Protein backbone atom coordinates (compact mmCIF):
# COMPACT_ATOMS: atom_id res chain seq x y z
CA UNK A 1 17.79 -9.16 3.01
CA UNK A 2 17.12 -9.97 -0.58
CA UNK A 3 13.88 -8.65 -2.23
CA UNK A 4 12.86 -12.08 -3.09
CA UNK A 5 12.81 -13.19 0.44
CA UNK A 6 11.33 -9.96 1.70
CA UNK A 7 8.11 -10.57 -0.41
CA UNK A 8 7.45 -13.82 1.54
CA UNK A 9 7.52 -12.23 4.97
CA UNK A 10 4.12 -11.70 6.36
CA UNK A 11 1.98 -11.81 9.40
CA UNK A 12 3.92 -13.55 12.04
CA UNK A 13 7.41 -14.26 10.76
CA UNK A 14 8.78 -10.96 11.97
CA UNK A 15 6.29 -10.04 14.60
CA UNK A 16 7.51 -12.14 17.52
CA UNK A 17 10.59 -13.93 18.62
CA UNK A 18 8.38 -16.47 20.30
CA UNK A 19 8.95 -19.28 17.78
CA UNK A 20 9.09 -22.73 19.31
CA UNK A 21 12.13 -24.74 19.95
CA UNK A 22 13.66 -26.12 16.71
CA UNK A 23 11.63 -29.05 15.34
CA UNK A 24 13.47 -32.13 14.06
CA UNK A 25 11.16 -34.67 12.49
CA UNK A 26 12.12 -38.20 11.69
CA UNK A 27 13.20 -38.95 8.05
CA UNK A 28 10.42 -39.80 5.66
CA UNK A 29 10.48 -43.43 4.55
CA UNK A 30 8.89 -43.18 1.14
CA UNK A 31 8.97 -41.23 -2.05
CA UNK A 32 5.20 -40.65 -3.33
CA UNK A 33 5.51 -41.50 -6.96
CA UNK A 34 2.13 -42.19 -8.44
CA UNK A 35 1.37 -45.20 -10.68
CA UNK A 36 -0.32 -43.81 -13.70
CA UNK A 37 -2.74 -41.77 -11.59
CA UNK A 38 -1.96 -38.48 -13.31
CA UNK A 39 -0.39 -37.14 -10.02
CA UNK A 40 3.26 -36.17 -9.36
CA UNK A 41 5.94 -37.34 -11.72
CA UNK A 42 9.31 -38.41 -10.18
CA UNK A 43 11.03 -35.10 -10.10
CA UNK A 44 7.94 -33.35 -8.68
CA UNK A 45 7.55 -36.13 -6.06
CA UNK A 46 11.20 -35.65 -5.09
CA UNK A 47 10.66 -31.93 -4.63
CA UNK A 48 7.61 -32.57 -2.36
CA UNK A 49 9.66 -35.26 -0.44
CA UNK A 50 12.61 -32.98 0.10
CA UNK A 51 10.53 -30.18 1.59
CA UNK A 52 8.14 -32.36 3.53
CA UNK A 53 11.17 -33.85 5.32
CA UNK A 54 11.02 -30.73 7.56
CA UNK A 55 7.34 -30.92 8.42
CA UNK A 56 5.62 -32.69 11.33
CA UNK A 57 3.31 -35.71 10.82
CA UNK A 58 -0.30 -34.75 9.85
CA UNK A 59 0.59 -31.70 7.91
CA UNK A 60 -0.98 -31.28 4.48
CA UNK A 61 0.05 -29.81 1.16
CA UNK A 62 -2.49 -28.88 -1.46
CA UNK A 63 -0.90 -28.22 -4.86
CA UNK A 64 -1.78 -27.40 -8.44
CA UNK A 65 0.60 -27.23 -11.35
CA UNK A 66 -0.74 -25.32 -14.32
CA UNK A 67 0.79 -25.88 -17.78
CA UNK A 68 -1.32 -24.29 -20.59
CA UNK A 69 -4.74 -25.69 -20.61
CA UNK A 70 -3.83 -28.53 -18.12
CA UNK A 71 -4.16 -28.42 -14.41
CA UNK A 72 -2.67 -31.09 -12.12
CA UNK A 73 -4.16 -31.08 -8.65
CA UNK A 74 -2.39 -33.02 -5.95
CA UNK A 75 -2.97 -33.39 -2.15
CA UNK A 76 -0.29 -34.92 0.06
CA UNK A 77 -0.26 -35.52 3.85
CA UNK A 78 2.34 -36.78 6.02
CA UNK A 79 1.37 -39.70 8.09
CA UNK A 80 3.54 -41.79 10.34
CA UNK A 81 6.66 -40.43 8.56
CA UNK A 82 5.22 -41.47 5.17
CA UNK A 83 3.70 -39.34 2.47
CA UNK A 84 0.31 -40.33 1.21
CA UNK A 85 -2.03 -38.86 -1.41
CA UNK A 86 -5.21 -37.22 -0.25
CA UNK A 87 -7.91 -35.29 -1.88
CA UNK A 88 -7.88 -31.61 -0.50
CA UNK A 89 -8.19 -29.42 -3.56
CA UNK A 90 -11.43 -27.91 -2.24
CA UNK A 91 -10.12 -27.68 1.31
CA UNK A 92 -9.40 -24.24 2.69
CA UNK A 93 -6.17 -22.79 4.08
CA UNK A 94 -5.22 -19.37 5.34
CA UNK A 95 -3.21 -17.75 2.49
CA UNK A 96 -1.53 -15.07 4.57
CA UNK A 97 -0.02 -12.28 2.33
CA UNK A 98 -1.38 -13.53 -0.96
CA UNK A 99 -4.34 -11.50 0.39
CA UNK A 100 -2.27 -8.35 -0.55
CA UNK A 101 -2.77 -9.18 -4.23
CA UNK A 102 -6.55 -9.45 -3.78
CA UNK A 103 -6.40 -6.08 -1.97
CA UNK A 104 -4.36 -4.67 -4.76
CA UNK A 105 -6.79 -6.13 -7.43
CA UNK A 106 -9.76 -4.46 -5.53
CA UNK A 107 -7.89 -1.17 -5.68
CA UNK A 108 -7.32 -1.70 -9.40
CA UNK A 109 -11.07 -2.09 -10.00
CA UNK A 110 -11.93 1.08 -8.09
CA UNK A 111 -9.22 2.89 -10.08
CA UNK A 112 -10.67 1.62 -13.36
CA UNK A 113 -14.14 2.58 -12.27
CA UNK A 114 -13.03 6.12 -11.47
CA UNK A 115 -13.85 5.80 -7.76
CA UNK A 116 -10.30 6.57 -6.64
CA UNK A 117 -7.28 8.35 -7.88
CA UNK A 118 -4.22 6.08 -7.04
CA UNK A 119 -2.11 9.13 -6.50
CA UNK A 120 -4.41 10.58 -4.13
CA UNK A 121 -2.66 11.46 -0.65
CA UNK A 122 -4.13 9.39 1.93
CA UNK A 123 -4.45 12.16 4.42
CA UNK A 124 -7.28 13.45 2.01
CA UNK A 125 -9.30 10.13 2.61
CA UNK A 126 -8.70 9.09 6.20
CA UNK A 127 -11.10 10.53 8.82
CA UNK A 128 -8.15 11.60 11.01
CA UNK A 129 -5.01 13.80 11.21
CA UNK A 130 -1.92 11.68 10.49
CA UNK A 131 0.90 12.30 12.86
CA UNK A 132 3.11 12.10 9.82
CA UNK A 133 1.75 12.13 6.35
CA UNK A 134 4.92 13.19 4.31
CA UNK A 135 8.58 13.42 4.32
CA UNK A 136 10.60 15.79 2.19
CA UNK A 137 7.46 17.23 0.80
CA UNK A 138 6.22 13.84 -0.60
CA UNK A 139 2.81 12.81 0.66
CA UNK A 140 1.91 9.00 1.18
CA UNK A 141 -0.38 7.88 -1.73
CA UNK A 142 -2.43 4.59 -2.32
CA UNK A 143 0.10 3.46 -4.75
CA UNK A 144 2.93 3.86 -2.09
CA UNK A 145 0.89 1.81 0.26
CA UNK A 146 0.14 -0.92 -2.26
CA UNK A 147 3.76 -1.35 -3.55
CA UNK A 148 5.33 -1.04 0.00
CA UNK A 149 7.12 2.28 -0.71
CA UNK A 150 5.07 4.38 1.74
CA UNK A 151 7.72 4.52 4.44
CA UNK A 152 5.29 2.99 6.87
CA UNK A 153 6.98 0.36 9.14
CA UNK A 154 6.18 -3.50 8.91
CA UNK A 155 3.42 -3.23 11.51
CA UNK A 156 2.04 -0.74 14.05
CA UNK A 157 4.03 -0.40 17.32
CA UNK A 158 0.88 -0.73 19.38
CA UNK A 159 -0.01 -4.20 18.17
CA UNK A 160 0.84 -5.63 21.68
CA UNK A 161 -0.85 -2.81 23.61
CA UNK A 162 -4.15 -4.44 24.21
CA UNK A 163 -4.83 -4.75 27.92
CA UNK A 164 -8.12 -6.70 27.28
CA UNK A 165 -6.82 -9.39 25.07
CA UNK A 166 -3.27 -11.01 25.59
CA UNK A 167 -1.03 -10.92 22.52
CA UNK A 168 -1.04 -14.22 20.46
CA UNK A 169 1.89 -14.57 18.07
CA UNK A 170 -0.15 -17.04 16.13
CA UNK A 171 -2.88 -14.51 15.51
CA UNK A 172 -1.30 -11.15 16.13
CA UNK A 173 -3.91 -8.81 14.57
CA UNK A 174 -7.06 -10.59 15.76
CA UNK A 175 -8.19 -7.83 18.02
CA UNK A 176 -6.48 -4.94 16.23
CA UNK A 177 -9.46 -2.83 15.52
CA UNK A 178 -9.93 0.63 13.63
CA UNK A 179 -9.81 2.34 17.01
CA UNK A 180 -6.36 1.13 17.80
CA UNK A 181 -5.22 1.72 14.15
CA UNK A 182 -6.34 5.37 14.21
CA UNK A 183 -4.67 5.86 17.55
CA UNK A 184 -1.43 4.65 16.07
CA UNK A 185 -1.59 6.79 12.89
CA UNK A 186 -2.59 9.86 14.85
CA UNK A 187 -0.19 9.77 17.75
CA UNK A 188 2.75 7.12 17.03
CA UNK A 189 3.25 6.92 13.27
CA UNK A 190 6.97 7.66 12.29
CA UNK A 191 7.90 7.28 8.52
CA UNK A 192 10.94 5.03 7.83
CA UNK A 193 11.73 6.64 4.64
CA UNK A 194 10.57 9.20 2.02
CA UNK A 195 7.34 7.92 0.32
CA UNK A 196 8.09 6.38 -3.07
CA UNK A 197 11.77 6.31 -2.34
CA UNK A 198 12.51 2.64 -1.36
CA UNK A 199 10.64 -0.64 -0.61
CA UNK A 200 9.97 -1.53 3.00
CA UNK A 201 7.67 -4.50 3.27
CA UNK A 202 4.57 -3.43 5.34
CA UNK A 203 1.61 -5.39 6.63
CA UNK A 204 0.40 -1.97 7.90
CA UNK A 205 0.66 -0.26 4.49
CA UNK A 206 -1.37 -2.91 2.50
CA UNK A 207 -3.79 -3.37 5.43
CA UNK A 208 -4.46 0.39 5.33
CA UNK A 209 -5.21 0.13 1.71
CA UNK A 210 -7.88 -2.50 2.49
CA UNK A 211 -9.28 -0.26 5.23
CA UNK A 212 -9.31 2.82 2.90
CA UNK A 213 -11.27 0.90 0.34
CA UNK A 214 -13.90 0.12 2.86
CA UNK A 215 -14.12 3.84 3.68
CA UNK A 216 -14.49 4.78 0.00
CA UNK A 217 -17.01 2.09 -0.88
CA UNK A 218 -18.89 2.09 2.36
CA UNK A 219 -18.77 -1.80 2.25
CA UNK A 220 -17.09 -4.27 4.45
CA UNK A 221 -13.69 -5.86 3.14
CA UNK A 222 -15.31 -9.21 2.57
CA UNK A 223 -18.21 -7.76 0.60
CA UNK A 224 -15.73 -5.98 -1.77
CA UNK A 225 -13.88 -9.27 -2.13
CA UNK A 226 -16.86 -11.10 -3.15
CA UNK A 227 -18.15 -8.45 -5.39
CA UNK A 228 -14.70 -7.74 -7.19
CA UNK A 229 -13.11 -11.23 -7.29
CA UNK A 230 -14.98 -14.17 -5.78
CA UNK A 231 -18.50 -13.87 -7.51
CA UNK A 232 -17.14 -12.92 -10.99
CA UNK A 233 -14.77 -15.87 -10.90
CA UNK A 234 -17.02 -18.40 -9.14
CA UNK A 235 -14.67 -18.74 -6.12
CA UNK A 236 -16.95 -20.20 -3.53
CA UNK A 237 -14.40 -21.31 -0.98
CA UNK A 238 -12.58 -17.91 -0.58
CA UNK A 239 -13.66 -15.86 2.45
CA UNK A 240 -12.57 -13.84 5.55
CA UNK A 241 -14.99 -14.54 8.32
CA UNK A 242 -15.74 -18.04 9.63
CA UNK A 243 -19.00 -19.61 10.26
CA UNK A 244 -19.88 -23.27 10.92
CA UNK A 245 -20.16 -24.19 7.37
CA UNK A 246 -16.90 -22.57 6.31
CA UNK A 247 -15.19 -24.06 9.34
CA UNK A 248 -16.00 -27.54 8.07
CA UNK A 249 -14.08 -26.68 4.93
CA UNK A 250 -10.99 -25.40 6.77
CA UNK A 251 -7.86 -27.46 7.24
CA UNK A 252 -6.74 -26.77 10.74
CA UNK A 253 -3.40 -24.95 11.15
CA UNK A 254 -0.53 -26.51 13.08
CA UNK A 255 2.26 -25.17 15.18
CA UNK A 256 5.86 -26.00 14.49
CA UNK A 257 5.57 -29.38 16.32
CA UNK A 258 2.42 -30.30 14.43
CA UNK A 259 -0.11 -29.59 17.28
CA UNK A 260 -3.47 -28.34 16.09
CA UNK A 261 -4.19 -24.70 16.62
CA UNK A 262 -7.56 -23.14 17.17
CA UNK A 263 -9.64 -21.71 14.36
CA UNK A 264 -8.82 -18.00 13.96
CA UNK A 265 -12.30 -16.52 13.83
CA UNK A 266 -10.90 -13.08 14.55
CA UNK A 267 -8.87 -12.72 11.38
CA UNK A 268 -6.72 -9.61 10.94
CA UNK A 269 -9.04 -7.06 12.37
CA UNK A 270 -8.59 -3.65 10.70
CA UNK A 271 -5.47 -4.98 8.77
CA UNK A 272 -7.45 -7.81 7.00
CA UNK A 273 -6.40 -6.39 3.57
CA UNK A 274 -2.71 -7.50 4.51
CA UNK A 275 -3.47 -11.16 5.28
CA UNK A 276 -6.92 -12.06 6.31
CA UNK A 277 -8.18 -14.14 3.45
CA UNK A 278 -8.64 -18.03 3.40
CA UNK A 279 -8.96 -19.92 0.19
CA UNK A 280 -8.59 -23.26 -1.57
CA UNK A 281 -6.22 -24.50 -4.42
CA UNK A 282 -9.13 -24.72 -6.83
CA UNK A 283 -10.23 -21.32 -6.16
CA UNK A 284 -6.65 -19.84 -6.42
CA UNK A 285 -6.28 -21.49 -9.80
CA UNK A 286 -9.39 -19.67 -11.01
CA UNK A 287 -7.80 -16.45 -9.66
CA UNK A 288 -4.48 -17.20 -11.52
CA UNK A 289 -6.32 -17.89 -14.70
CA UNK A 290 -8.08 -14.55 -14.35
CA UNK A 291 -4.61 -12.86 -13.98
CA UNK A 292 -3.26 -14.76 -16.93
CA UNK A 293 -6.12 -13.76 -19.29
CA UNK A 294 -7.75 -10.55 -18.10
CA UNK A 295 -6.91 -7.15 -19.68
CA UNK A 296 -8.87 -4.93 -17.14
CA UNK A 297 -8.36 -4.68 -13.27
CA UNK A 298 -6.61 -8.02 -12.78
CA UNK A 299 -3.98 -7.01 -15.33
CA UNK A 300 -3.80 -3.48 -13.93
CA UNK A 301 -2.91 -4.92 -10.42
CA UNK A 302 0.18 -6.68 -11.99
CA UNK A 303 1.43 -3.67 -13.90
CA UNK A 304 4.72 -2.06 -12.60
CA UNK A 305 4.32 0.86 -10.45
CA UNK A 306 7.93 0.94 -9.05
CA UNK A 307 11.18 -0.70 -10.22
CA UNK A 308 13.43 -1.89 -7.26
CA UNK A 309 16.20 -3.25 -9.10
CA UNK A 310 16.92 -4.75 -12.58
CA UNK A 311 15.26 -8.05 -11.70
CA UNK A 312 12.34 -6.91 -9.37
CA UNK A 313 9.36 -4.61 -9.65
CA UNK A 314 6.20 -4.09 -7.67
CA UNK A 315 2.64 -3.56 -8.76
CA UNK A 316 -0.47 -3.20 -6.66
CA UNK A 317 0.11 -6.14 -4.35
CA UNK A 318 1.85 -8.21 -6.78
CA UNK A 319 5.61 -8.56 -7.42
CA UNK A 320 7.29 -9.41 -10.71
CA UNK A 321 10.71 -11.04 -11.13
CA UNK A 322 12.63 -10.78 -14.37
CA UNK A 323 15.82 -12.62 -15.42
CA UNK A 324 17.38 -13.17 -18.86
CA UNK A 325 14.38 -11.87 -20.83
CA UNK A 326 11.77 -13.93 -18.97
CA UNK A 327 9.57 -12.90 -16.08
CA UNK A 328 6.99 -14.33 -13.56
CA UNK A 329 4.69 -13.00 -11.03
CA UNK A 330 4.50 -14.32 -7.49
CA UNK A 331 3.22 -13.87 -3.97
CA UNK A 332 3.89 -15.73 -0.70
CA UNK A 333 2.05 -15.94 2.54
CA UNK A 334 2.78 -17.14 6.07
CA UNK A 335 0.57 -16.99 9.23
CA UNK A 336 0.84 -18.78 12.55
CA UNK A 337 -0.50 -22.05 11.37
CA UNK A 338 -0.17 -21.99 7.41
CA UNK A 339 2.26 -21.15 4.57
CA UNK A 340 1.38 -20.50 0.88
CA UNK A 341 2.69 -19.57 -2.41
CA UNK A 342 1.55 -18.74 -6.07
CA UNK A 343 3.85 -18.11 -9.21
CA UNK A 344 2.60 -17.54 -12.73
CA UNK A 345 3.65 -16.45 -16.17
CA UNK A 346 0.97 -14.69 -18.03
CA UNK A 347 1.85 -15.32 -21.63
CA UNK A 348 2.67 -18.96 -21.57
CA UNK A 349 0.07 -19.72 -18.93
CA UNK A 350 2.12 -21.68 -16.64
CA UNK A 351 1.89 -21.51 -12.75
CA UNK A 352 2.03 -23.17 -9.47
CA UNK A 353 -0.16 -22.93 -6.30
CA UNK A 354 1.03 -24.39 -2.95
CA UNK A 355 -1.06 -24.32 0.26
CA UNK A 356 0.03 -25.97 3.48
CA UNK A 357 -0.93 -25.92 7.15
CA UNK A 358 2.62 -25.58 8.21
CA UNK A 359 3.33 -22.87 10.70
CA UNK A 360 5.29 -19.93 9.43
CA UNK A 361 7.44 -20.44 12.56
CA UNK A 362 8.60 -23.54 11.18
CA UNK A 363 8.51 -23.06 7.45
CA UNK A 364 10.35 -19.66 7.53
CA UNK A 365 13.41 -21.36 9.00
CA UNK A 366 14.36 -22.78 5.65
CA UNK A 367 12.06 -20.78 3.41
CA UNK A 368 10.49 -24.17 2.74
CA UNK A 369 7.13 -23.38 1.13
CA UNK A 370 8.59 -20.73 -1.26
CA UNK A 371 11.29 -23.13 -2.21
CA UNK A 372 8.89 -25.82 -3.01
CA UNK A 373 6.84 -23.46 -5.16
CA UNK A 374 10.03 -22.63 -7.15
CA UNK A 375 11.15 -26.32 -7.33
CA UNK A 376 7.72 -27.15 -8.97
CA UNK A 377 7.64 -24.01 -11.17
CA UNK A 378 11.11 -23.68 -12.44
CA UNK A 379 10.96 -27.00 -14.68
CA UNK A 380 7.79 -25.81 -16.40
CA UNK A 381 8.43 -24.97 -20.09
CA UNK A 382 8.57 -21.19 -20.15
CA UNK A 383 9.98 -20.94 -16.59
CA UNK A 384 12.99 -23.01 -17.69
CA UNK A 385 13.35 -21.33 -21.04
CA UNK A 386 12.29 -24.32 -23.08
CA UNK A 387 9.31 -22.92 -25.03
CA UNK A 388 7.20 -25.62 -26.67
């Protein structure tokens, strides 16, 4: 599997073979070209049209295209096999593994504040004895966890071993608490490789970073999220836990056939740092703007901690792709009822945010959401090599 595809794998895509029977929607009957409304131009509309062909009716896409100082917000919904424009830039979607970049940013802030050593062996931080904390004399560190080189597997093997709560492939970590996490780490953990040696994408690894940050700070993950990212940037529609007010702002997730899924009030349990955040396009644009301009902890999270090949490097939650002298930073997410993507280039300040309530069980079949992100991003001036 290529490194580019690996970065988009997250909560449910690899967890279960229980995806639904193949969905075959009817052909769309219109191309949503705007009429002097500042929305999608013809090429952008074609990209949305091509990917929305695969989605069921009533699914939504919330987009923003950033080009320098300009921001183009667009909402699209598929209704009765047609695409219509809607206003959903403040609507909230689960963002899946884009959460990992927030966790990496929170780690970077603690590093800069001198509260944690990124190369500290995690066995010195966790309040338990790891069944296996090293291989070939190399201990697992926080950096290894954050850049997916820890040797930890994709997820704990005891995810489905909850006798009180039946396993739900659409919300696999809902009831996965610290007690079960510690039991796994103490009694079942087997490293897949020597720490720092190679990249193995791991929800467990980055989820463990988030958990360790709560231990170091003595604060819940969501409180750290607000303190480190949301409050400084004015991100009012980004959160972990649901209440009545937040639920009203959420777009309901849908299964591969377009049926509504229940609100996931349980989140990701002890692995919240891997994929438990929900956000809006407007908030994520604020987040990308900070990543484009900041020179402190947002920038530190992007900096290379491991080179995987000539085109692909890993930071603290972020991944950077380089080709022909140009590079961009990206992250993609997928949960039971949502898929998402962000791509940006820091120096030229171009980027794309795409949020959908399309199930990962459907979108992953054709890498649809990541494909749409790239189709909207690649024509941008710096992305295509045409500096202006």
